Every structure is written in structure tokens, then in C-alpha cells.
């Protein structure tokens, strides 16, 4: 209803209706964000960077051992 009360029970608000209110409600229910798409993508990028670095180190060590051996 226009007054913000439940028409069936006369209670308080039935929840946010506007896009801004819905977004505010979602943010209020946010827990930690570990499973958010952005966080997952960041962890994957960091893991890939670590694998790339390890491969570079292995290649450098192989090059150095071939050069000195």
C-alpha cells in the first residue's frame, strides 16, 4: 500500500521496492564476498601469475644450468 504497510496484516514494510532500496538491502546482507565473481576472478589471476612466475624461474634455472654445466 501507499503507506508502506502490509495490506493483509497491517504490519510494517513489505520490503524495499525501488532499485536503490533493493541494492541497499543486498549490501546489508553481504557476508564476506569470497565467492563473488570479482573475487574469484582475482584469485584465478593471482594463481595464474604465480604459475607464470614459477615457469619463468624454472626456465631461467635450466638456462643457467646449461650455461654453467
C-alpha atoms as a PDB file:
ATOM      1  CA  UNK A   1       0.000   0.000   0.000  1.00  0.00           C
ATOM      2  CA  UNK A   2       0.969   3.590  -0.360  1.00  0.00           C
ATOM      3  CA  UNK A   3       1.539   3.961   3.392  1.00  0.00           C
ATOM      4  CA  UNK A   4       4.187   1.186   3.392  1.00  0.00           C
ATOM      5  CA  UNK A   5       2.161  -1.274   5.452  1.00  0.00           C
ATOM      6  CA  UNK A   6       1.205  -4.807   4.507  1.00  0.00           C
ATOM      7  CA  UNK A   7      -2.366  -4.714   3.193  1.00  0.00           C
ATOM      8  CA  UNK A   8      -3.085  -8.205   4.524  1.00  0.00           C
ATOM      9  CA  UNK A   9      -1.746  -7.881   8.058  1.00  0.00           C
ATOM     10  CA  UNK A  10      -1.317  -4.165   8.633  1.00  0.00           C
ATOM     11  CA  UNK A  11       2.267  -4.755   9.692  1.00  0.00           C
ATOM     12  CA  UNK A  12       5.362  -2.830   8.877  1.00  0.00           C
ATOM     13  CA  UNK A  13       7.019  -2.518   5.497  1.00  0.00           C
ATOM     14  CA  UNK A  14       6.913  -5.356   2.968  1.00  0.00           C
ATOM     15  CA  UNK A  15      10.461  -4.631   1.871  1.00  0.00           C
ATOM     16  CA  UNK A  16      12.263  -2.292  -0.462  1.00  0.00           C
ATOM     17  CA  UNK A  17      10.646  -1.527  -3.794  1.00  0.00           C
ATOM     18  CA  UNK A  18      12.972   0.927  -5.528  1.00  0.00           C
ATOM     19  CA  UNK A  19      16.192  -0.195  -7.232  1.00  0.00           C
ATOM     20  CA  UNK A  20      18.175   1.876  -4.720  1.00  0.00           C
ATOM     21  CA  UNK A  21      16.392   0.250  -1.788  1.00  0.00           C
ATOM     22  CA  UNK A  22      16.913  -3.233  -3.220  1.00  0.00           C
ATOM     23  CA  UNK A  23      20.628  -2.541  -3.709  1.00  0.00           C
ATOM     24  CA  UNK A  24      20.891  -1.242  -0.149  1.00  0.00           C
ATOM     25  CA  UNK A  25      19.200  -4.402   1.152  1.00  0.00           C
ATOM     26  CA  UNK A  26      21.610  -6.610  -0.823  1.00  0.00           C
ATOM     27  CA  UNK A  27      24.621  -4.758   0.569  1.00  0.00           C
ATOM     28  CA  UNK A  28      23.261  -5.159   4.080  1.00  0.00           C
ATOM     29  CA  UNK A  29      23.085  -8.930   3.611  1.00  0.00           C
ATOM     30  CA  UNK A  30      26.675  -9.173   2.269  1.00  0.00           C
ATOM     31  CA  UNK A  31      28.779 -11.668   4.213  1.00  0.00           C
ATOM     32  CA  UNK A  32      32.375 -11.869   3.064  1.00  0.00           C
ATOM     33  CA  UNK A  33      32.464 -11.852  -0.734  1.00  0.00           C
ATOM     34  CA  UNK A  34      34.846 -14.786  -1.204  1.00  0.00           C
ATOM     35  CA  UNK A  35      32.523 -16.347  -3.762  1.00  0.00           C
ATOM     36  CA  UNK A  36      31.738 -13.134  -5.614  1.00  0.00           C
ATOM     37  CA  UNK A  37      32.644 -13.306  -9.306  1.00  0.00           C
ATOM     38  CA  UNK A  38      35.135 -10.465  -8.964  1.00  0.00           C
ATOM     39  CA  UNK A  39      36.931 -12.130  -6.037  1.00  0.00           C
ATOM     40  CA  UNK A  40      37.062 -15.499  -7.819  1.00  0.00           C
ATOM     41  CA  UNK A  41      38.464 -13.856 -10.961  1.00  0.00           C
ATOM     42  CA  UNK A  42      41.096 -12.043  -8.906  1.00  0.00           C
ATOM     43  CA  UNK A  43      42.193 -15.267  -7.182  1.00  0.00           C
ATOM     44  CA  UNK A  44      42.416 -17.032 -10.547  1.00  0.00           C
ATOM     45  CA  UNK A  45      44.533 -14.210 -11.975  1.00  0.00           C
ATOM     46  CA  UNK A  46      46.858 -14.317  -8.970  1.00  0.00           C
ATOM     47  CA  UNK A  47      47.214 -18.096  -9.275  1.00  0.00           C
ATOM     48  CA  UNK A  48      47.994 -17.797 -12.986  1.00  0.00           C
ATOM     49  CA  UNK A  49      50.598 -15.124 -12.283  1.00  0.00           C
ATOM     50  CA  UNK A  50      52.204 -17.468  -9.738  1.00  0.00           C
ATOM     51  CA  UNK A  51      52.283 -20.307 -12.282  1.00  0.00           C
ATOM     52  CA  UNK A  52      53.789 -17.994 -14.898  1.00  0.00           C
ATOM     53  CA  UNK A  53      56.439 -16.845 -12.438  1.00  0.00           C
ATOM     54  CA  UNK A  54      57.288 -20.426 -11.480  1.00  0.00           C
ATOM     55  CA  UNK A  55      57.651 -21.359 -15.156  1.00  0.00           C
ATOM     56  CA  UNK A  56      59.925 -18.379 -15.733  1.00  0.00           C
ATOM     57  CA  UNK A  57      62.073 -19.363 -12.759  1.00  0.00           C
ATOM     58  CA  UNK A  58      62.324 -22.961 -13.992  1.00  0.00           C
ATOM     59  CA  UNK A  59      63.278 -21.797 -17.495  1.00  0.00           C
ATOM     60  CA  UNK A  60      65.888 -19.412 -16.084  1.00  0.00           C
ATOM     61  CA  UNK A  61      67.353 -22.126 -13.864  1.00  0.00           C
ATOM     62  CA  UNK A  62      67.502 -24.525 -16.817  1.00  0.00           C
ATOM     63  CA  UNK A  63      69.199 -21.881 -18.943  1.00  0.00           C
ATOM     64  CA  UNK A  64      71.716 -21.123 -16.188  1.00  0.00           C
ATOM     65  CA  UNK A  65      72.497 -24.794 -15.539  1.00  0.00           C
ATOM     66  CA  UNK A  66      73.024 -25.384 -19.286  1.00  0.00           C
ATOM     67  CA  UNK A  67      75.267 -22.350 -19.490  1.00  0.00           C
ATOM     68  CA  UNK A  68      77.369 -23.316 -16.473  1.00  0.00           C
ATOM     69  CA  UNK A  69      77.317 -27.066 -16.991  1.00  0.00           C
END
